[in-house]
């Protein structure tokens, strides 16, 4: 195949091979001669064999909200915070896991709001602490159907 067939211009017959190439971008009227690293077919096959020999990573299957019952998320450490379900409802509806939201909406102090957020992290409702930002909410509103008292 000559360069006239591929690039619609002459020039490939002057290439020396082994990584020498012509490149024609969209904005350039003439092809540009480039030299790239030469990779033989044997090297490509060896790399592909190496990749194929690597162990397959198993997919991590997380339980969907529908597969989990409300008893899976019962936390009873003896303190039994009666505001936990209400706090979860607020966080899920607002899609914002913040202590200040719980303080304002539930009219509780910092310590209790922080404890509620910690409990929600343990049961997988919110993500881990990320500095001054609100925590990521990991469940959607369908989760509220599961935790109805």
N, C-alpha and C. Protein backbone atom coordinates (compact mmCIF):
# COMPACT_ATOMS: atom_id res chain seq x y z
N UNK A 1 0.87 -1.18 0.00
CA UNK A 1 0.00 0.00 0.00
C UNK A 1 0.90 1.23 0.00
N UNK A 2 0.64 2.13 -0.90
CA UNK A 2 1.46 3.33 -0.94
C UNK A 2 0.79 4.47 -0.18
N UNK A 3 1.55 5.53 0.09
CA UNK A 3 1.03 6.63 0.90
C UNK A 3 -0.09 7.37 0.18
N UNK A 4 -0.11 7.30 -1.15
CA UNK A 4 -1.16 7.98 -1.90
C UNK A 4 -2.52 7.37 -1.54
N UNK A 5 -2.59 6.07 -1.29
CA UNK A 5 -3.84 5.40 -0.95
C UNK A 5 -4.32 5.82 0.43
N UNK A 6 -3.42 5.91 1.41
CA UNK A 6 -3.80 6.21 2.78
C UNK A 6 -3.92 7.71 3.03
N UNK A 7 -2.90 8.48 2.66
CA UNK A 7 -2.84 9.91 2.99
C UNK A 7 -3.28 10.82 1.85
N UNK A 8 -3.49 10.27 0.68
CA UNK A 8 -3.82 11.03 -0.51
C UNK A 8 -2.70 12.01 -0.89
N UNK A 9 -1.46 11.59 -0.61
CA UNK A 9 -0.28 12.38 -0.97
C UNK A 9 0.93 11.45 -0.99
N UNK A 10 1.99 11.89 -1.63
CA UNK A 10 3.22 11.10 -1.71
C UNK A 10 4.05 11.32 -0.44
N UNK A 11 5.03 10.45 -0.20
CA UNK A 11 5.97 10.67 0.90
C UNK A 11 6.36 9.42 1.65
N UNK A 12 5.50 8.43 1.73
CA UNK A 12 5.79 7.24 2.52
C UNK A 12 6.93 6.42 1.93
N UNK A 13 7.15 6.56 0.63
CA UNK A 13 8.23 5.79 0.00
C UNK A 13 9.60 6.23 0.48
N UNK A 14 9.69 7.40 1.12
CA UNK A 14 10.96 7.91 1.64
C UNK A 14 11.23 7.50 3.09
N UNK A 15 10.27 6.84 3.72
CA UNK A 15 10.43 6.44 5.12
C UNK A 15 11.42 5.29 5.22
N UNK A 16 12.17 5.23 6.32
CA UNK A 16 13.18 4.19 6.48
C UNK A 16 12.68 2.99 7.28
N UNK A 17 11.48 3.07 7.84
CA UNK A 17 10.92 1.95 8.59
C UNK A 17 11.32 2.00 10.05
N UNK A 18 10.97 0.98 10.80
CA UNK A 18 11.31 0.85 12.22
C UNK A 18 10.94 2.09 13.04
N UNK A 19 9.69 2.53 12.96
CA UNK A 19 9.22 3.65 13.77
C UNK A 19 9.12 4.96 13.02
N UNK A 20 9.65 5.02 11.80
CA UNK A 20 9.55 6.22 10.98
C UNK A 20 8.13 6.28 10.43
N UNK A 21 7.48 7.44 10.49
CA UNK A 21 6.08 7.50 10.06
C UNK A 21 5.71 8.88 9.57
N UNK A 22 4.58 8.93 8.88
CA UNK A 22 3.97 10.18 8.46
C UNK A 22 2.69 10.37 9.25
N UNK A 23 2.48 11.60 9.71
CA UNK A 23 1.26 11.91 10.45
C UNK A 23 0.62 13.13 9.82
N UNK A 24 -0.67 13.01 9.54
CA UNK A 24 -1.38 14.16 8.99
C UNK A 24 -2.56 14.45 9.89
N UNK A 25 -2.47 15.56 10.62
CA UNK A 25 -3.55 15.98 11.50
C UNK A 25 -4.65 16.65 10.70
N UNK A 26 -5.74 16.94 11.36
CA UNK A 26 -6.87 17.57 10.70
C UNK A 26 -6.54 18.97 10.18
N UNK A 27 -5.72 19.68 10.94
CA UNK A 27 -5.46 21.07 10.58
C UNK A 27 -4.22 21.27 9.71
N UNK A 28 -3.43 20.23 9.49
CA UNK A 28 -2.20 20.41 8.71
C UNK A 28 -2.43 19.97 7.26
N UNK A 29 -2.05 20.82 6.30
CA UNK A 29 -2.25 20.47 4.89
C UNK A 29 -1.27 19.40 4.41
N UNK A 30 -0.09 19.34 5.02
CA UNK A 30 0.94 18.39 4.62
C UNK A 30 1.21 17.41 5.75
N UNK A 31 1.53 16.16 5.43
CA UNK A 31 1.90 15.22 6.49
C UNK A 31 3.24 15.61 7.12
N UNK A 32 3.38 15.28 8.40
CA UNK A 32 4.59 15.57 9.15
C UNK A 32 5.32 14.25 9.39
N UNK A 33 6.63 14.27 9.17
CA UNK A 33 7.42 13.06 9.39
C UNK A 33 7.77 12.97 10.86
N UNK A 34 7.49 11.83 11.47
CA UNK A 34 7.77 11.59 12.88
C UNK A 34 8.57 10.31 13.03
N UNK A 35 9.28 10.23 14.13
CA UNK A 35 9.95 8.98 14.45
C UNK A 35 9.48 8.53 15.82
N UNK A 36 8.98 7.34 15.91
CA UNK A 36 8.43 6.79 17.13
C UNK A 36 9.24 5.56 17.53
N UNK A 37 9.07 5.12 18.75
CA UNK A 37 9.73 3.89 19.18
C UNK A 37 9.18 2.73 18.36
N UNK A 38 10.06 1.89 17.91
CA UNK A 38 9.63 0.72 17.14
C UNK A 38 9.31 -0.41 18.10
N UNK A 39 8.13 -0.97 17.92
CA UNK A 39 7.71 -2.12 18.72
C UNK A 39 7.40 -3.24 17.74
N UNK A 40 8.16 -4.32 17.85
CA UNK A 40 7.98 -5.44 16.92
C UNK A 40 6.73 -6.23 17.27
N UNK A 41 6.30 -7.03 16.33
CA UNK A 41 5.13 -7.88 16.54
C UNK A 41 5.38 -8.86 17.69
N UNK A 42 6.62 -9.35 17.82
CA UNK A 42 6.95 -10.27 18.91
C UNK A 42 6.81 -9.58 20.27
N UNK A 43 7.26 -8.32 20.35
CA UNK A 43 7.12 -7.57 21.61
C UNK A 43 5.65 -7.36 21.97
N UNK A 44 4.85 -7.03 20.99
CA UNK A 44 3.42 -6.83 21.22
C UNK A 44 2.78 -8.13 21.72
N UNK A 45 3.13 -9.25 21.08
CA UNK A 45 2.58 -10.54 21.50
C UNK A 45 3.03 -10.91 22.92
N UNK A 46 4.28 -10.60 23.27
CA UNK A 46 4.77 -10.89 24.63
C UNK A 46 4.03 -10.05 25.67
N UNK A 47 3.79 -8.80 25.36
CA UNK A 47 3.05 -7.92 26.28
C UNK A 47 1.62 -8.44 26.45
N UNK A 48 0.99 -8.81 25.35
CA UNK A 48 -0.39 -9.32 25.42
C UNK A 48 -0.45 -10.63 26.20
N UNK A 49 0.54 -11.49 26.04
CA UNK A 49 0.58 -12.74 26.81
C UNK A 49 0.71 -12.45 28.30
N UNK A 50 1.57 -11.51 28.63
CA UNK A 50 1.75 -11.13 30.04
C UNK A 50 0.43 -10.61 30.62
N UNK A 51 -0.26 -9.77 29.89
CA UNK A 51 -1.54 -9.23 30.37
C UNK A 51 -2.55 -10.36 30.55
N UNK A 52 -2.61 -11.29 29.59
CA UNK A 52 -3.56 -12.40 29.69
C UNK A 52 -3.28 -13.30 30.89
N UNK A 53 -2.01 -13.41 31.30
CA UNK A 53 -1.63 -14.28 32.42
C UNK A 53 -1.95 -13.68 33.78
N UNK A 54 -2.27 -12.40 33.83
CA UNK A 54 -2.56 -11.75 35.10
C UNK A 54 -3.87 -12.29 35.67
N UNK A 55 -3.96 -12.39 37.00
CA UNK A 55 -5.20 -12.90 37.59
C UNK A 55 -6.37 -11.95 37.32
N UNK A 56 -7.52 -12.55 37.14
CA UNK A 56 -8.72 -11.76 36.89
C UNK A 56 -9.19 -11.17 38.22
N UNK A 57 -9.47 -9.90 38.20
CA UNK A 57 -9.95 -9.23 39.41
C UNK A 57 -11.43 -9.57 39.58
N UNK A 58 -11.77 -10.06 40.75
CA UNK A 58 -13.16 -10.41 41.00
C UNK A 58 -13.96 -9.14 41.23
N UNK A 59 -15.17 -9.14 40.69
CA UNK A 59 -16.04 -8.00 40.87
C UNK A 59 -16.60 -8.01 42.28
N UNK A 60 -16.61 -6.86 42.89
CA UNK A 60 -17.16 -6.72 44.23
C UNK A 60 -18.65 -6.46 44.09
N UNK A 61 -19.48 -7.34 44.63
CA UNK A 61 -20.92 -7.18 44.53
C UNK A 61 -21.43 -6.61 45.84
N UNK A 62 -22.00 -5.42 45.74
CA UNK A 62 -22.59 -4.79 46.91
C UNK A 62 -24.07 -5.10 46.93
N UNK A 63 -24.60 -5.29 48.09
CA UNK A 63 -26.03 -5.56 48.21
C UNK A 63 -26.80 -4.31 47.82
N UNK A 64 -27.83 -4.49 47.03
CA UNK A 64 -28.66 -3.34 46.70
C UNK A 64 -29.61 -3.09 47.87
N UNK A 65 -30.22 -1.94 47.85
CA UNK A 65 -31.13 -1.57 48.94
C UNK A 65 -32.27 -2.57 49.05
N UNK A 66 -32.73 -3.09 47.93
CA UNK A 66 -33.86 -4.02 47.95
C UNK A 66 -33.49 -5.38 48.55
N UNK A 67 -32.20 -5.72 48.54
CA UNK A 67 -31.76 -7.02 49.06
C UNK A 67 -31.52 -7.00 50.56
N UNK A 68 -31.66 -5.86 51.18
CA UNK A 68 -31.31 -5.72 52.59
C UNK A 68 -32.58 -5.47 53.39
N UNK A 69 -32.71 -6.16 54.49
CA UNK A 69 -33.88 -5.93 55.33
C UNK A 69 -33.52 -4.96 56.44
N UNK A 70 -34.53 -4.41 57.07
CA UNK A 70 -34.29 -3.41 58.12
C UNK A 70 -33.58 -4.03 59.33
N UNK A 71 -33.71 -5.33 59.52
CA UNK A 71 -33.04 -5.95 60.67
C UNK A 71 -31.53 -6.00 60.47
N UNK A 72 -31.08 -5.90 59.21
CA UNK A 72 -29.64 -5.89 58.95
C UNK A 72 -28.98 -4.63 59.49
N UNK A 73 -29.76 -3.59 59.70
CA UNK A 73 -29.20 -2.32 60.11
C UNK A 73 -29.63 -1.91 61.50
N UNK A 74 -30.01 -2.85 62.30
CA UNK A 74 -30.38 -2.53 63.68
C UNK A 74 -29.12 -2.42 64.50
N UNK A 75 -28.95 -1.28 65.13
CA UNK A 75 -27.78 -1.08 65.98
C UNK A 75 -28.30 -0.87 67.38
N UNK A 76 -27.88 -1.74 68.27
CA UNK A 76 -28.31 -1.59 69.65
C UNK A 76 -27.08 -1.71 70.53
N UNK A 77 -26.55 -0.56 70.89
CA UNK A 77 -25.38 -0.56 71.76
C UNK A 77 -25.77 -0.23 73.19
N UNK A 78 -27.06 -0.36 73.47
CA UNK A 78 -27.54 -0.06 74.82
C UNK A 78 -28.05 1.36 74.95
N UNK A 79 -27.61 2.24 74.04
CA UNK A 79 -28.05 3.63 74.12
C UNK A 79 -29.32 3.87 73.32
N UNK A 80 -29.57 3.06 72.28
CA UNK A 80 -30.79 3.12 71.49
C UNK A 80 -31.24 4.53 71.15
N UNK A 81 -30.56 5.20 70.24
CA UNK A 81 -30.90 6.58 69.89
C UNK A 81 -32.19 6.59 69.08
N UNK A 82 -33.25 7.12 69.68
CA UNK A 82 -34.56 7.14 69.03
C UNK A 82 -34.62 8.13 67.87
N UNK A 83 -33.65 8.99 67.72
CA UNK A 83 -33.64 9.95 66.62
C UNK A 83 -32.92 9.42 65.38
N UNK A 84 -32.36 8.23 65.45
CA UNK A 84 -31.57 7.72 64.34
C UNK A 84 -32.38 7.63 63.05
N UNK A 85 -33.58 7.03 63.10
CA UNK A 85 -34.39 6.92 61.89
C UNK A 85 -34.77 8.28 61.33
N UNK A 86 -35.10 9.21 62.20
CA UNK A 86 -35.43 10.56 61.75
C UNK A 86 -34.21 11.24 61.13
N UNK A 87 -33.05 11.04 61.73
CA UNK A 87 -31.81 11.61 61.19
C UNK A 87 -31.50 11.02 59.82
N UNK A 88 -31.69 9.71 59.68
CA UNK A 88 -31.46 9.06 58.39
C UNK A 88 -32.41 9.64 57.34
N UNK A 89 -33.68 9.80 57.71
CA UNK A 89 -34.65 10.36 56.78
C UNK A 89 -34.22 11.74 56.30
N UNK A 90 -33.78 12.59 57.22
CA UNK A 90 -33.34 13.94 56.85
C UNK A 90 -32.13 13.91 55.91
N UNK A 91 -31.16 13.09 56.27
CA UNK A 91 -29.93 13.02 55.48
C UNK A 91 -30.23 12.50 54.07
N UNK A 92 -31.08 11.48 53.96
CA UNK A 92 -31.39 10.90 52.66
C UNK A 92 -32.20 11.89 51.81
N UNK A 93 -33.18 12.54 52.40
CA UNK A 93 -34.00 13.49 51.65
C UNK A 93 -33.16 14.67 51.15
N UNK A 94 -32.30 15.19 52.01
CA UNK A 94 -31.47 16.35 51.64
C UNK A 94 -30.20 15.96 50.90
N UNK A 95 -29.88 14.65 50.85
CA UNK A 95 -28.66 14.15 50.22
C UNK A 95 -27.43 14.92 50.70
N UNK A 96 -27.40 15.11 52.03
CA UNK A 96 -26.30 15.85 52.65
C UNK A 96 -26.10 15.29 54.05
N UNK A 97 -24.98 14.64 54.28
CA UNK A 97 -24.70 14.06 55.58
C UNK A 97 -23.87 15.00 56.44
N UNK A 98 -24.52 16.01 57.01
CA UNK A 98 -23.75 16.96 57.81
C UNK A 98 -24.30 17.07 59.23
N UNK A 99 -23.38 17.30 60.14
CA UNK A 99 -23.75 17.46 61.55
C UNK A 99 -24.60 18.70 61.73
N UNK A 100 -24.27 19.77 61.02
CA UNK A 100 -25.03 21.02 61.19
C UNK A 100 -26.48 20.87 60.73
N UNK A 101 -26.72 20.07 59.68
CA UNK A 101 -28.10 19.82 59.25
C UNK A 101 -28.89 19.15 60.37
N UNK A 102 -28.29 18.14 61.00
CA UNK A 102 -28.98 17.44 62.09
C UNK A 102 -29.18 18.36 63.29
N UNK A 103 -28.20 19.19 63.60
CA UNK A 103 -28.35 20.12 64.72
C UNK A 103 -29.54 21.05 64.49
N UNK A 104 -29.63 21.61 63.30
CA UNK A 104 -30.71 22.56 63.01
C UNK A 104 -32.07 21.88 62.96
N UNK A 105 -32.17 20.78 62.21
CA UNK A 105 -33.48 20.16 61.98
C UNK A 105 -33.99 19.37 63.18
N UNK A 106 -33.09 18.72 63.92
CA UNK A 106 -33.52 17.90 65.05
C UNK A 106 -33.41 18.63 66.38
N UNK A 107 -32.86 19.84 66.34
CA UNK A 107 -32.69 20.65 67.55
C UNK A 107 -31.91 19.89 68.62
N UNK A 108 -30.73 19.38 68.20
CA UNK A 108 -29.86 18.65 69.12
C UNK A 108 -28.50 19.34 69.13
N UNK A 109 -27.70 19.00 70.10
CA UNK A 109 -26.36 19.57 70.21
C UNK A 109 -25.37 18.88 69.28
N UNK A 110 -24.15 19.41 69.28
CA UNK A 110 -23.11 18.89 68.40
C UNK A 110 -22.81 17.42 68.70
N UNK A 111 -22.65 17.07 69.96
CA UNK A 111 -22.26 15.71 70.33
C UNK A 111 -23.27 14.68 69.84
N UNK A 112 -24.54 14.96 70.04
CA UNK A 112 -25.57 13.99 69.63
C UNK A 112 -25.64 13.91 68.10
N UNK A 113 -25.55 15.05 67.43
CA UNK A 113 -25.59 15.04 65.96
C UNK A 113 -24.38 14.29 65.40
N UNK A 114 -23.21 14.48 66.00
CA UNK A 114 -22.01 13.77 65.56
C UNK A 114 -22.15 12.28 65.79
N UNK A 115 -22.75 11.88 66.92
CA UNK A 115 -22.97 10.47 67.21
C UNK A 115 -23.93 9.85 66.18
N UNK A 116 -24.96 10.61 65.79
CA UNK A 116 -25.91 10.11 64.78
C UNK A 116 -25.21 9.91 63.43
N UNK A 117 -24.36 10.85 63.06
CA UNK A 117 -23.61 10.72 61.80
C UNK A 117 -22.69 9.50 61.87
N UNK A 118 -22.03 9.30 63.01
CA UNK A 118 -21.15 8.13 63.18
C UNK A 118 -21.94 6.83 63.04
N UNK A 119 -23.13 6.78 63.62
CA UNK A 119 -23.99 5.59 63.50
C UNK A 119 -24.38 5.36 62.04
N UNK A 120 -24.70 6.45 61.34
CA UNK A 120 -25.07 6.32 59.93
C UNK A 120 -23.90 5.83 59.09
N UNK A 121 -22.69 6.22 59.46
CA UNK A 121 -21.52 5.72 58.74
C UNK A 121 -21.36 4.22 58.98
N UNK A 122 -21.58 3.77 60.22
CA UNK A 122 -21.44 2.35 60.56
C UNK A 122 -22.41 1.48 59.76
N UNK A 123 -23.61 1.98 59.53
CA UNK A 123 -24.61 1.17 58.83
C UNK A 123 -24.63 1.42 57.33
N UNK A 124 -23.74 2.27 56.84
CA UNK A 124 -23.61 2.45 55.40
C UNK A 124 -24.53 3.47 54.78
N UNK A 125 -25.07 4.38 55.56
CA UNK A 125 -25.94 5.42 55.00
C UNK A 125 -25.10 6.57 54.45
N UNK A 126 -24.04 6.94 55.17
CA UNK A 126 -23.15 8.02 54.71
C UNK A 126 -21.72 7.48 54.60
N UNK A 127 -20.93 8.17 53.80
CA UNK A 127 -19.53 7.80 53.62
C UNK A 127 -18.66 8.30 54.76
N UNK A 128 -17.36 8.09 54.63
CA UNK A 128 -16.44 8.49 55.69
C UNK A 128 -16.25 10.00 55.77
N UNK A 129 -15.64 10.44 56.85
CA UNK A 129 -15.35 11.84 57.11
C UNK A 129 -14.45 12.39 56.01
N UNK A 130 -14.80 13.56 55.47
CA UNK A 130 -14.01 14.18 54.39
C UNK A 130 -13.68 15.62 54.72
N UNK A 131 -13.25 15.87 55.92
CA UNK A 131 -12.89 17.24 56.31
C UNK A 131 -14.12 18.07 56.59
N UNK A 132 -14.11 19.30 56.13
CA UNK A 132 -15.21 20.21 56.44
C UNK A 132 -16.41 20.02 55.53
N UNK A 133 -16.30 19.18 54.50
CA UNK A 133 -17.41 18.95 53.58
C UNK A 133 -18.43 18.00 54.21
N UNK A 134 -19.67 18.11 53.72
CA UNK A 134 -20.71 17.17 54.14
C UNK A 134 -20.34 15.78 53.63
N UNK A 135 -20.74 14.76 54.36
CA UNK A 135 -20.44 13.39 53.95
C UNK A 135 -21.31 12.98 52.77
N UNK A 136 -20.77 12.10 51.95
CA UNK A 136 -21.52 11.59 50.82
C UNK A 136 -22.62 10.66 51.32
N UNK A 137 -23.83 10.82 50.78
CA UNK A 137 -24.95 9.95 51.15
C UNK A 137 -24.93 8.76 50.19
N UNK A 138 -24.87 7.55 50.74
CA UNK A 138 -24.66 6.34 49.95
C UNK A 138 -25.95 5.61 49.57
N UNK A 139 -27.09 6.07 50.06
CA UNK A 139 -28.37 5.42 49.76
C UNK A 139 -29.32 6.43 49.15
N UNK A 140 -30.35 5.92 48.48
CA UNK A 140 -31.35 6.83 47.92
C UNK A 140 -32.65 6.73 48.73
N UNK A 141 -33.68 7.40 48.26
CA UNK A 141 -34.93 7.48 49.03
C UNK A 141 -35.64 6.14 49.15
N UNK A 142 -35.34 5.18 48.28
CA UNK A 142 -35.97 3.86 48.42
C UNK A 142 -35.53 3.18 49.71
N UNK A 143 -34.39 3.60 50.25
CA UNK A 143 -33.90 3.06 51.53
C UNK A 143 -34.86 3.40 52.66
N UNK A 144 -35.56 4.52 52.55
CA UNK A 144 -36.48 4.94 53.61
C UNK A 144 -37.62 3.95 53.79
N UNK A 145 -38.00 3.24 52.73
CA UNK A 145 -39.06 2.24 52.84
C UNK A 145 -38.61 1.07 53.73
N UNK A 146 -37.33 0.77 53.68
CA UNK A 146 -36.79 -0.35 54.45
C UNK A 146 -36.78 -0.05 55.94
N UNK A 147 -36.48 1.17 56.30
CA UNK A 147 -36.30 1.49 57.72
C UNK A 147 -37.55 2.02 58.40
N UNK A 148 -38.68 2.00 57.68
CA UNK A 148 -39.92 2.47 58.32
C UNK A 148 -40.17 1.67 59.59
N UNK A 149 -40.50 2.36 60.69
CA UNK A 149 -40.74 1.64 61.95
C UNK A 149 -42.00 0.80 61.89
